[in-house]
């Protein structure tokens, strides 16, 4: 998986948005430690070659309806960076 990700990162720009509001099944099933969004730990979201990275106050499911996530995603798709870089 990592080799594939590195190869992809050489061709496309990757931006990562992670959440740190721990609401979700991961809290019950996996007992996540450290900052997490209720499903994924923040330290698990990094990928080799990422161009931009942000942690927002949002849960995993909350990312789907977050105006801030939408704004950052649109900026990254337009410019290859998040709006506040």
Protein backbone atom coordinates (compact mmCIF):
# COMPACT_ATOMS: atom_id res chain seq x y z
CA UNK A 1 0.00 0.00 0.00
CA UNK A 2 2.71 2.51 0.91
CA UNK A 3 4.63 1.91 -2.34
CA UNK A 4 1.43 2.51 -4.31
CA UNK A 5 0.73 5.69 -2.37
CA UNK A 6 4.24 7.03 -3.00
CA UNK A 7 3.86 6.33 -6.72
CA UNK A 8 0.50 8.13 -6.79
CA UNK A 9 1.90 11.09 -4.84
CA UNK A 10 4.44 11.65 -7.60
CA UNK A 11 1.63 12.05 -10.13
CA UNK A 12 -1.13 13.81 -8.16
CA UNK A 13 -1.19 16.26 -5.30
CA UNK A 14 -2.57 14.87 -2.05
CA UNK A 15 -4.27 16.93 0.65
CA UNK A 16 -5.32 15.31 3.92
CA UNK A 17 -8.03 16.56 6.27
CA UNK A 18 -8.33 14.82 9.63
CA UNK A 19 -10.82 15.37 12.43
CA UNK A 20 -10.27 15.39 16.17
CA UNK A 21 -13.79 15.23 17.63
CA UNK A 22 -13.93 11.68 19.05
CA UNK A 23 -17.54 10.76 18.33
CA UNK A 24 -18.14 7.44 16.58
CA UNK A 25 -18.08 3.66 16.77
CA UNK A 26 -14.29 3.58 17.00
CA UNK A 27 -14.58 4.85 20.55
CA UNK A 28 -16.69 1.82 21.47
CA UNK A 29 -15.19 -0.92 19.31
CA UNK A 30 -11.50 -0.05 19.10
CA UNK A 31 -10.89 2.22 22.09
CA UNK A 32 -8.91 4.71 20.01
CA UNK A 33 -6.08 6.47 21.78
CA UNK A 34 -4.72 9.88 21.00
CA UNK A 35 -6.47 12.49 18.88
CA UNK A 36 -9.11 10.90 16.66
CA UNK A 37 -12.38 11.58 14.86
CA UNK A 38 -14.25 8.68 16.43
CA UNK A 39 -13.20 6.28 13.68
CA UNK A 40 -9.61 7.10 12.65
CA UNK A 41 -6.67 8.33 14.73
CA UNK A 42 -5.12 11.55 13.43
CA UNK A 43 -1.67 9.91 13.22
CA UNK A 44 -3.14 7.28 10.86
CA UNK A 45 -4.20 9.87 8.29
CA UNK A 46 -0.76 10.86 7.00
CA UNK A 47 0.32 9.50 3.62
CA UNK A 48 3.77 9.70 2.01
CA UNK A 49 4.00 12.63 -0.37
CA UNK A 50 1.07 14.58 1.07
CA UNK A 51 1.25 18.20 0.03
CA UNK A 52 -1.05 19.65 2.68
CA UNK A 53 -2.42 18.51 6.02
CA UNK A 54 -5.05 19.94 8.36
CA UNK A 55 -6.72 18.80 11.57
CA UNK A 56 -10.18 20.25 12.10
CA UNK A 57 -12.61 20.18 15.06
CA UNK A 58 -14.95 17.72 13.37
CA UNK A 59 -15.96 14.07 13.77
CA UNK A 60 -15.55 11.46 11.02
CA UNK A 61 -19.22 11.64 10.03
CA UNK A 62 -19.29 15.40 10.59
CA UNK A 63 -16.79 15.86 7.75
CA UNK A 64 -19.57 15.03 5.30
CA UNK A 65 -21.54 18.15 6.24
CA UNK A 66 -18.74 20.49 7.35
CA UNK A 67 -18.60 23.81 5.52
CA UNK A 68 -14.95 24.18 6.55
CA UNK A 69 -14.05 20.77 5.05
CA UNK A 70 -15.87 21.73 1.83
CA UNK A 71 -14.06 25.09 1.66
CA UNK A 72 -10.62 23.53 2.20
CA UNK A 73 -11.33 20.75 -0.29
CA UNK A 74 -12.45 23.19 -2.98
CA UNK A 75 -9.38 25.37 -2.43
CA UNK A 76 -7.08 22.35 -2.65
CA UNK A 77 -8.70 21.13 -5.86
CA UNK A 78 -8.38 24.61 -7.39
CA UNK A 79 -4.91 25.56 -6.17
CA UNK A 80 -3.13 22.46 -4.85
CA UNK A 81 -3.14 23.89 -1.34
CA UNK A 82 -5.63 24.61 1.43
CA UNK A 83 -7.15 28.10 1.55
CA UNK A 84 -5.13 29.26 4.56
CA UNK A 85 -1.69 28.05 3.34
